[in-house]
């Protein structure tokens, strides 16, 4: 899976990175867990510290567009998410 980041902004007050991404894939559409694991691998954080808002798969194009947040650690995510 190849991922591009049209938006990748650090939010120091919330201890997180706000992002929009486009993930390109071949074959079956990846699950949310697979996307989260790939983002964790790229960013070097625990997958439990990644919140995904929306994923819009486009199977014919072989891509997923999404939005999410990568927190510094799971504790920061717990404090920042509802």
C-alpha atoms as a PDB file:
ATOM      1  CA  UNK A   1       0.000   0.000   0.000  1.00  0.00           C
ATOM      2  CA  UNK A   2       1.305   3.432  -0.972  1.00  0.00           C
ATOM      3  CA  UNK A   3       0.130   6.467   1.047  1.00  0.00           C
ATOM      4  CA  UNK A   4       0.286  10.172   0.157  1.00  0.00           C
ATOM      5  CA  UNK A   5      -0.554  13.015   2.559  1.00  0.00           C
ATOM      6  CA  UNK A   6      -2.229  16.089   0.987  1.00  0.00           C
ATOM      7  CA  UNK A   7      -2.600  17.508   4.535  1.00  0.00           C
ATOM      8  CA  UNK A   8      -0.242  16.705   7.427  1.00  0.00           C
ATOM      9  CA  UNK A   9      -0.337  19.317  10.216  1.00  0.00           C
ATOM     10  CA  UNK A  10       1.040  19.128  13.741  1.00  0.00           C
ATOM     11  CA  UNK A  11      -1.319  20.303  16.534  1.00  0.00           C
ATOM     12  CA  UNK A  12       0.922  20.835  19.575  1.00  0.00           C
ATOM     13  CA  UNK A  13      -1.933  21.805  21.915  1.00  0.00           C
ATOM     14  CA  UNK A  14      -3.635  18.426  21.404  1.00  0.00           C
ATOM     15  CA  UNK A  15      -0.394  16.413  21.020  1.00  0.00           C
ATOM     16  CA  UNK A  16      -1.441  15.046  17.632  1.00  0.00           C
ATOM     17  CA  UNK A  17      -1.030  15.234  13.859  1.00  0.00           C
ATOM     18  CA  UNK A  18      -4.154  16.038  11.830  1.00  0.00           C
ATOM     19  CA  UNK A  19      -4.026  14.449   8.409  1.00  0.00           C
ATOM     20  CA  UNK A  20      -5.770  13.678   5.174  1.00  0.00           C
ATOM     21  CA  UNK A  21      -4.412  10.830   3.086  1.00  0.00           C
ATOM     22  CA  UNK A  22      -4.803   8.900  -0.134  1.00  0.00           C
ATOM     23  CA  UNK A  23      -3.845   5.217   0.061  1.00  0.00           C
ATOM     24  CA  UNK A  24      -3.346   3.320  -3.190  1.00  0.00           C
ATOM     25  CA  UNK A  25      -3.765  -0.444  -3.193  1.00  0.00           C
ATOM     26  CA  UNK A  26      -4.161  -3.412  -5.492  1.00  0.00           C
ATOM     27  CA  UNK A  27      -6.556  -6.266  -4.902  1.00  0.00           C
ATOM     28  CA  UNK A  28      -9.189  -6.188  -2.169  1.00  0.00           C
ATOM     29  CA  UNK A  29     -10.055  -2.964  -0.347  1.00  0.00           C
ATOM     30  CA  UNK A  30      -7.972  -2.796   2.872  1.00  0.00           C
ATOM     31  CA  UNK A  31      -9.800  -2.821   6.204  1.00  0.00           C
ATOM     32  CA  UNK A  32      -9.633   0.056   8.698  1.00  0.00           C
ATOM     33  CA  UNK A  33      -7.215  -2.027  10.786  1.00  0.00           C
ATOM     34  CA  UNK A  34      -4.909  -2.534   7.790  1.00  0.00           C
ATOM     35  CA  UNK A  35      -4.927   1.208   7.039  1.00  0.00           C
ATOM     36  CA  UNK A  36      -4.294   1.993  10.730  1.00  0.00           C
ATOM     37  CA  UNK A  37      -1.387  -0.502  10.812  1.00  0.00           C
ATOM     38  CA  UNK A  38       0.183   1.067   7.707  1.00  0.00           C
ATOM     39  CA  UNK A  39      -0.125   4.581   9.191  1.00  0.00           C
ATOM     40  CA  UNK A  40       1.426   3.288  12.434  1.00  0.00           C
ATOM     41  CA  UNK A  41       4.338   1.808  10.489  1.00  0.00           C
ATOM     42  CA  UNK A  42       4.946   5.101   8.657  1.00  0.00           C
ATOM     43  CA  UNK A  43       4.612   7.326  11.738  1.00  0.00           C
ATOM     44  CA  UNK A  44       6.288   5.010  14.251  1.00  0.00           C
ATOM     45  CA  UNK A  45       3.485   5.099  16.835  1.00  0.00           C
ATOM     46  CA  UNK A  46       1.243   2.496  18.440  1.00  0.00           C
ATOM     47  CA  UNK A  47      -1.801   1.697  16.231  1.00  0.00           C
ATOM     48  CA  UNK A  48      -3.955   2.337  19.331  1.00  0.00           C
ATOM     49  CA  UNK A  49      -2.924   6.025  19.088  1.00  0.00           C
ATOM     50  CA  UNK A  50      -4.466   6.488  15.613  1.00  0.00           C
ATOM     51  CA  UNK A  51      -8.055   7.679  15.123  1.00  0.00           C
ATOM     52  CA  UNK A  52      -9.597   7.344  11.665  1.00  0.00           C
ATOM     53  CA  UNK A  53     -12.625   9.521  10.929  1.00  0.00           C
ATOM     54  CA  UNK A  54     -13.713   8.704   7.453  1.00  0.00           C
ATOM     55  CA  UNK A  55     -12.559   6.328   4.762  1.00  0.00           C
ATOM     56  CA  UNK A  56     -13.894   6.661   1.223  1.00  0.00           C
ATOM     57  CA  UNK A  57     -12.848   3.660  -0.860  1.00  0.00           C
ATOM     58  CA  UNK A  58     -12.777   3.930  -4.634  1.00  0.00           C
ATOM     59  CA  UNK A  59     -12.331   0.325  -5.720  1.00  0.00           C
ATOM     60  CA  UNK A  60     -12.182   1.026  -9.459  1.00  0.00           C
ATOM     61  CA  UNK A  61      -9.355   3.528  -8.930  1.00  0.00           C
ATOM     62  CA  UNK A  62      -7.647   1.338  -6.332  1.00  0.00           C
ATOM     63  CA  UNK A  63      -7.503   4.052  -3.688  1.00  0.00           C
ATOM     64  CA  UNK A  64      -8.927   5.109  -0.352  1.00  0.00           C
ATOM     65  CA  UNK A  65      -9.246   8.733   0.709  1.00  0.00           C
ATOM     66  CA  UNK A  66      -9.379   9.339   4.431  1.00  0.00           C
ATOM     67  CA  UNK A  67      -9.029  11.698   7.377  1.00  0.00           C
ATOM     68  CA  UNK A  68      -7.651  11.003  10.799  1.00  0.00           C
ATOM     69  CA  UNK A  69      -5.443  11.931  13.704  1.00  0.00           C
ATOM     70  CA  UNK A  70      -2.186  10.431  14.923  1.00  0.00           C
ATOM     71  CA  UNK A  71      -1.649  11.059  18.642  1.00  0.00           C
ATOM     72  CA  UNK A  72       1.704  10.999  20.414  1.00  0.00           C
ATOM     73  CA  UNK A  73       0.559   8.047  22.553  1.00  0.00           C
ATOM     74  CA  UNK A  74      -2.660   6.176  23.483  1.00  0.00           C
ATOM     75  CA  UNK A  75      -3.072   8.309  26.642  1.00  0.00           C
ATOM     76  CA  UNK A  76      -3.157  11.503  24.553  1.00  0.00           C
ATOM     77  CA  UNK A  77      -5.750   9.864  22.304  1.00  0.00           C
ATOM     78  CA  UNK A  78      -7.895   8.897  25.272  1.00  0.00           C
ATOM     79  CA  UNK A  79      -7.784  12.492  26.535  1.00  0.00           C
ATOM     80  CA  UNK A  80      -8.512  13.981  23.104  1.00  0.00           C
ATOM     81  CA  UNK A  81     -11.231  11.701  21.733  1.00  0.00           C
ATOM     82  CA  UNK A  82     -14.813  11.393  22.926  1.00  0.00           C
END
